[in-house]
Amino acid sequence: MYLFLAQAAQRPPALVSFMPIILIFGVFYFLIIKPQRQKQAEHQKMIQAVKKNDEIITIGGIHGTIINVKEGSITLRISDNVKIEIQKSAVAGLKKSKPEVSGETIEVKS
């Protein structure tokens, strides 16, 4: 019986026992959860900002030009006389436009 009382007196407080679990959750929050939420918010803003004549890529890999934007869907032109209607949530991203080449010559000194 005295042995049991001696062991009970030597236990660390409960908060100290849970500290590693709390620290692991904090690390997961800042490395995984928070960046994912920021990425989702940016994607939502991008979807809300699409407009006619934007070139987009869908999550299925289809490249097209927006010809009509509705409340929850987008009509894409993917080829001549080929139009499809997709959900706004199926937009993966905007196509990066190629930089325009000007008539200027750039000299590279070596």
Foldseek 3Di string as FASTA:
>chain_A
DVVVVVVVVPDDDPCVVCVVVVVVVVVCCVPPVVVVVVVVVVLVVQLVPDDFQFWFAFLVGQTFGFHDDDDFWTWTDRDVVDIDIDGSVRTPGTDDDDDDDDPDDDDDDD
